[in-house]
Amino acid sequence: MQLSATPYEERLTAPRSWWLISFLVGVSFALILLPFGILPMLGGLVGGTAAAAVVASAYGSPRIRVVGGSLIAGEAQIPVSALGGSEVLDPEEARAWRTYKADTRAFLLLRSYIPMALRVEVTDPEDPTPYLYLSTREPEKLAAAIEAARETAA
């Protein structure tokens, strides 16, 4: 497997506020279990915090990679040869493409806590997906990595 000329990897980590919310979920469980004693209360604190943290981490940490001539975004994998041009979206334009400009057939790796995005056209005629919408903190670097991988694959 050939690596792309400009390797790119990004993990869309959850914001810090989610970890505070996870702790508050644990506090809620502790308060619910307080009438049953100190040990159940501590178990609720630890268990509730851990469960909420696992959920926050699982949802809040998808990866975007450009490797081996493919773009891997979350669960999706598509060869860069099937991709067309890409458009860096500022926060305002990204919001527009998430709402009234959105196509229901598009693949969205959408995270509301990341304001910027990259929209990549899909040129494969057998793929009904018109474009990929990828929330990313570094859309310029991702676009450059896709272009470099496309040139390497050609």
C-alpha atoms as a PDB file:
ATOM      1  CA  MET A   1       0.000   0.000   0.000  1.00  0.00           C
ATOM      2  CA  GLN A   2       1.448   3.344  -1.065  1.00  0.00           C
ATOM      3  CA  LEU A   3       1.234   6.194   1.407  1.00  0.00           C
ATOM      4  CA  SER A   4       0.054   9.577   0.241  1.00  0.00           C
ATOM      5  CA  ALA A   5       2.630  12.303  -0.420  1.00  0.00           C
ATOM      6  CA  THR A   6       1.178  14.515   2.286  1.00  0.00           C
ATOM      7  CA  PRO A   7      -0.161  12.270   5.037  1.00  0.00           C
ATOM      8  CA  TYR A   8      -3.015  13.769   6.984  1.00  0.00           C
ATOM      9  CA  GLU A   9      -4.694  12.626  10.158  1.00  0.00           C
ATOM     10  CA  GLU A  10      -7.076  14.472  12.425  1.00  0.00           C
ATOM     11  CA  ARG A  11      -9.155  13.365  15.385  1.00  0.00           C
ATOM     12  CA  LEU A  12     -12.224  15.495  15.978  1.00  0.00           C
ATOM     13  CA  THR A  13     -12.003  15.440  19.757  1.00  0.00           C
ATOM     14  CA  ALA A  14     -14.941  16.489  21.879  1.00  0.00           C
ATOM     15  CA  PRO A  15     -14.777  19.940  23.480  1.00  0.00           C
ATOM     16  CA  ARG A  16     -13.770  20.362  27.116  1.00  0.00           C
ATOM     17  CA  SER A  17     -17.313  21.244  28.128  1.00  0.00           C
ATOM     18  CA  TRP A  18     -18.407  17.686  27.278  1.00  0.00           C
ATOM     19  CA  TRP A  19     -16.048  16.340  29.942  1.00  0.00           C
ATOM     20  CA  LEU A  20     -17.551  18.705  32.503  1.00  0.00           C
ATOM     21  CA  ILE A  21     -21.014  17.518  31.484  1.00  0.00           C
ATOM     22  CA  SER A  22     -19.827  13.906  31.894  1.00  0.00           C
ATOM     23  CA  PHE A  23     -18.776  14.705  35.452  1.00  0.00           C
ATOM     24  CA  LEU A  24     -22.130  16.381  36.123  1.00  0.00           C
ATOM     25  CA  VAL A  25     -23.917  13.253  34.870  1.00  0.00           C
ATOM     26  CA  GLY A  26     -21.890  11.311  37.441  1.00  0.00           C
ATOM     27  CA  VAL A  27     -22.901  13.784  40.152  1.00  0.00           C
ATOM     28  CA  SER A  28     -26.541  13.299  39.139  1.00  0.00           C
ATOM     29  CA  PHE A  29     -26.211   9.528  39.479  1.00  0.00           C
ATOM     30  CA  ALA A  30     -24.544  10.027  42.863  1.00  0.00           C
ATOM     31  CA  LEU A  31     -27.422  12.198  44.070  1.00  0.00           C
ATOM     32  CA  ILE A  32     -29.965   9.647  42.846  1.00  0.00           C
ATOM     33  CA  LEU A  33     -28.197   6.893  44.797  1.00  0.00           C
ATOM     34  CA  LEU A  34     -27.485   8.979  47.925  1.00  0.00           C
ATOM     35  CA  PRO A  35     -30.551   7.642  49.839  1.00  0.00           C
ATOM     36  CA  PHE A  36     -29.074   4.121  49.588  1.00  0.00           C
ATOM     37  CA  GLY A  37     -25.834   5.046  51.354  1.00  0.00           C
ATOM     38  CA  ILE A  38     -22.307   6.332  50.783  1.00  0.00           C
ATOM     39  CA  LEU A  39     -20.974   3.356  48.793  1.00  0.00           C
ATOM     40  CA  PRO A  40     -23.827   3.347  46.246  1.00  0.00           C
ATOM     41  CA  MET A  41     -23.424   7.117  45.979  1.00  0.00           C
ATOM     42  CA  LEU A  42     -19.699   6.771  45.198  1.00  0.00           C
ATOM     43  CA  GLY A  43     -20.481   3.967  42.756  1.00  0.00           C
ATOM     44  CA  GLY A  44     -23.000   6.202  41.018  1.00  0.00           C
ATOM     45  CA  LEU A  45     -20.465   9.025  40.823  1.00  0.00           C
ATOM     46  CA  VAL A  46     -17.745   6.843  39.342  1.00  0.00           C
ATOM     47  CA  GLY A  47     -20.026   4.714  37.156  1.00  0.00           C
ATOM     48  CA  GLY A  48     -22.108   7.613  35.846  1.00  0.00           C
ATOM     49  CA  THR A  49     -19.044   9.713  35.077  1.00  0.00           C
ATOM     50  CA  ALA A  50     -17.315   6.806  33.338  1.00  0.00           C
ATOM     51  CA  ALA A  51     -20.374   5.900  31.249  1.00  0.00           C
ATOM     52  CA  ALA A  52     -20.939   9.501  30.168  1.00  0.00           C
ATOM     53  CA  ALA A  53     -17.236   9.907  29.357  1.00  0.00           C
ATOM     54  CA  VAL A  54     -17.291   6.773  27.193  1.00  0.00           C
ATOM     55  CA  VAL A  55     -20.290   8.088  25.263  1.00  0.00           C
ATOM     56  CA  ALA A  56     -18.689  11.535  24.839  1.00  0.00           C
ATOM     57  CA  SER A  57     -15.425  10.013  23.679  1.00  0.00           C
ATOM     58  CA  ALA A  58     -17.050   7.567  21.259  1.00  0.00           C
ATOM     59  CA  TYR A  59     -19.260  10.161  19.580  1.00  0.00           C
ATOM     60  CA  GLY A  60     -16.885  13.060  19.893  1.00  0.00           C
ATOM     61  CA  SER A  61     -13.725  11.532  18.435  1.00  0.00           C
ATOM     62  CA  PRO A  62     -14.070  10.394  14.812  1.00  0.00           C
ATOM     63  CA  ARG A  63     -10.927  10.421  12.665  1.00  0.00           C
ATOM     64  CA  ILE A  64     -10.273  11.882   9.232  1.00  0.00           C
ATOM     65  CA  ARG A  65      -7.272  10.453   7.367  1.00  0.00           C
ATOM     66  CA  VAL A  66      -5.762  10.596   3.919  1.00  0.00           C
ATOM     67  CA  VAL A  67      -3.658   7.473   3.508  1.00  0.00           C
ATOM     68  CA  GLY A  68      -2.872   4.949   0.805  1.00  0.00           C
ATOM     69  CA  GLY A  69      -4.718   6.853  -1.909  1.00  0.00           C
ATOM     70  CA  SER A  70      -7.932   6.935   0.127  1.00  0.00           C
ATOM     71  CA  LEU A  71      -9.841   9.420   2.195  1.00  0.00           C
ATOM     72  CA  ILE A  72     -11.094   7.811   5.398  1.00  0.00           C
ATOM     73  CA  ALA A  73     -13.636   9.898   7.287  1.00  0.00           C
ATOM     74  CA  GLY A  74     -15.257   8.169  10.220  1.00  0.00           C
ATOM     75  CA  GLU A  75     -16.780   4.961   8.835  1.00  0.00           C
ATOM     76  CA  ALA A  76     -16.514   6.034   5.178  1.00  0.00           C
ATOM     77  CA  GLN A  77     -13.604   5.204   2.899  1.00  0.00           C
ATOM     78  CA  ILE A  78     -13.368   6.532  -0.650  1.00  0.00           C
ATOM     79  CA  PRO A  79     -10.441   6.505  -3.094  1.00  0.00           C
ATOM     80  CA  VAL A  80      -9.113   9.973  -3.899  1.00  0.00           C
ATOM     81  CA  SER A  81      -9.462   9.142  -7.607  1.00  0.00           C
ATOM     82  CA  ALA A  82     -13.257   9.283  -7.096  1.00  0.00           C
ATOM     83  CA  LEU A  83     -13.074  12.778  -5.618  1.00  0.00           C
ATOM     84  CA  GLY A  84     -13.305  16.073  -7.453  1.00  0.00           C
ATOM     85  CA  GLY A  85     -12.613  19.584  -6.301  1.00  0.00           C
ATOM     86  CA  SER A  86     -12.790  20.653  -2.713  1.00  0.00           C
ATOM     87  CA  GLU A  87     -14.097  23.842  -1.162  1.00  0.00           C
ATOM     88  CA  VAL A  88     -12.979  25.232   2.184  1.00  0.00           C
ATOM     89  CA  LEU A  89     -16.025  26.441   4.100  1.00  0.00           C
ATOM     90  CA  ASP A  90     -15.785  29.254   6.619  1.00  0.00           C
ATOM     91  CA  PRO A  91     -18.147  29.049   9.622  1.00  0.00           C
ATOM     92  CA  GLU A  92     -20.954  30.935   7.877  1.00  0.00           C
ATOM     93  CA  GLU A  93     -20.742  28.939   4.640  1.00  0.00           C
ATOM     94  CA  ALA A  94     -20.402  25.682   6.598  1.00  0.00           C
ATOM     95  CA  ARG A  95     -23.636  26.486   8.411  1.00  0.00           C
ATOM     96  CA  ALA A  96     -25.358  27.101   5.091  1.00  0.00           C
ATOM     97  CA  TRP A  97     -24.201  23.715   3.736  1.00  0.00           C
ATOM     98  CA  ARG A  98     -25.432  22.025   6.934  1.00  0.00           C
ATOM     99  CA  THR A  99     -28.887  23.561   6.599  1.00  0.00           C
ATOM    100  CA  TYR A 100     -30.633  24.953   3.522  1.00  0.00           C
ATOM    101  CA  LYS A 101     -27.948  24.112   0.907  1.00  0.00           C
ATOM    102  CA  ALA A 102     -27.596  20.497   2.078  1.00  0.00           C
ATOM    103  CA  ASP A 103     -28.331  17.579  -0.212  1.00  0.00           C
ATOM    104  CA  THR A 104     -29.940  14.600   1.520  1.00  0.00           C
ATOM    105  CA  ARG A 105     -27.730  12.203  -0.468  1.00  0.00           C
ATOM    106  CA  ALA A 106     -24.484  13.780   0.772  1.00  0.00           C
ATOM    107  CA  PHE A 107     -22.155  12.120   3.270  1.00  0.00           C
ATOM    108  CA  LEU A 108     -21.879  14.314   6.365  1.00  0.00           C
ATOM    109  CA  LEU A 109     -19.224  13.908   9.018  1.00  0.00           C
ATOM    110  CA  LEU A 110     -20.783  16.698  10.989  1.00  0.00           C
ATOM    111  CA  ARG A 111     -19.725  17.895  14.403  1.00  0.00           C
ATOM    112  CA  SER A 112     -21.516  21.021  15.589  1.00  0.00           C
ATOM    113  CA  TYR A 113     -18.662  22.001  17.887  1.00  0.00           C
ATOM    114  CA  ILE A 114     -16.307  22.443  14.897  1.00  0.00           C
ATOM    115  CA  PRO A 115     -17.322  25.577  12.979  1.00  0.00           C
ATOM    116  CA  MET A 116     -15.251  25.065   9.788  1.00  0.00           C
ATOM    117  CA  ALA A 117     -15.603  22.342   7.166  1.00  0.00           C
ATOM    118  CA  LEU A 118     -14.445  21.027   3.814  1.00  0.00           C
ATOM    119  CA  ARG A 119     -16.846  20.112   1.024  1.00  0.00           C
ATOM    120  CA  VAL A 120     -15.422  17.607  -1.474  1.00  0.00           C
ATOM    121  CA  GLU A 121     -17.209  16.723  -4.708  1.00  0.00           C
ATOM    122  CA  VAL A 122     -17.634  13.018  -5.530  1.00  0.00           C
ATOM    123  CA  THR A 123     -17.027  12.408  -9.252  1.00  0.00           C
ATOM    124  CA  ASP A 124     -17.649   8.649  -9.353  1.00  0.00           C
ATOM    125  CA  PRO A 125     -20.674   8.214 -11.684  1.00  0.00           C
ATOM    126  CA  GLU A 126     -21.759   5.030  -9.870  1.00  0.00           C
ATOM    127  CA  ASP A 127     -21.796   6.704  -6.461  1.00  0.00           C
ATOM    128  CA  PRO A 128     -25.062   8.555  -5.726  1.00  0.00           C
ATOM    129  CA  THR A 129     -23.302  10.726  -3.122  1.00  0.00           C
ATOM    130  CA  PRO A 130     -22.861  14.215  -4.627  1.00  0.00           C
ATOM    131  CA  TYR A 131     -20.318  15.464  -2.085  1.00  0.00           C
ATOM    132  CA  LEU A 132     -18.687  14.865   1.276  1.00  0.00           C
ATOM    133  CA  TYR A 133     -19.151  17.432   4.036  1.00  0.00           C
ATOM    134  CA  LEU A 134     -16.352  17.015   6.560  1.00  0.00           C
ATOM    135  CA  SER A 135     -16.166  19.048   9.764  1.00  0.00           C
ATOM    136  CA  THR A 136     -12.482  19.781  10.280  1.00  0.00           C
ATOM    137  CA  ARG A 137     -10.348  22.203  12.237  1.00  0.00           C
ATOM    138  CA  GLU A 138      -7.797  22.406   9.386  1.00  0.00           C
ATOM    139  CA  PRO A 139      -9.709  22.411   6.076  1.00  0.00           C
ATOM    140  CA  GLU A 140      -6.810  23.879   4.052  1.00  0.00           C
ATOM    141  CA  LYS A 141      -4.435  21.093   5.143  1.00  0.00           C
ATOM    142  CA  LEU A 142      -7.042  18.422   4.424  1.00  0.00           C
ATOM    143  CA  ALA A 143      -7.711  19.839   0.942  1.00  0.00           C
ATOM    144  CA  ALA A 144      -3.950  19.946   0.233  1.00  0.00           C
ATOM    145  CA  ALA A 145      -3.528  16.348   1.423  1.00  0.00           C
ATOM    146  CA  ILE A 146      -6.385  15.134  -0.812  1.00  0.00           C
ATOM    147  CA  GLU A 147      -4.927  16.975  -3.803  1.00  0.00           C
ATOM    148  CA  ALA A 148      -1.423  15.601  -3.119  1.00  0.00           C
ATOM    149  CA  ALA A 149      -2.805  12.067  -2.798  1.00  0.00           C
ATOM    150  CA  ARG A 150      -4.765  12.496  -6.050  1.00  0.00           C
ATOM    151  CA  GLU A 151      -1.595  13.645  -7.877  1.00  0.00           C
ATOM    152  CA  THR A 152       0.393  10.742  -6.427  1.00  0.00           C
ATOM    153  CA  ALA A 153      -2.266   8.228  -7.455  1.00  0.00           C
ATOM    154  CA  ALA A 154      -2.445   9.593 -11.026  1.00  0.00           C
END
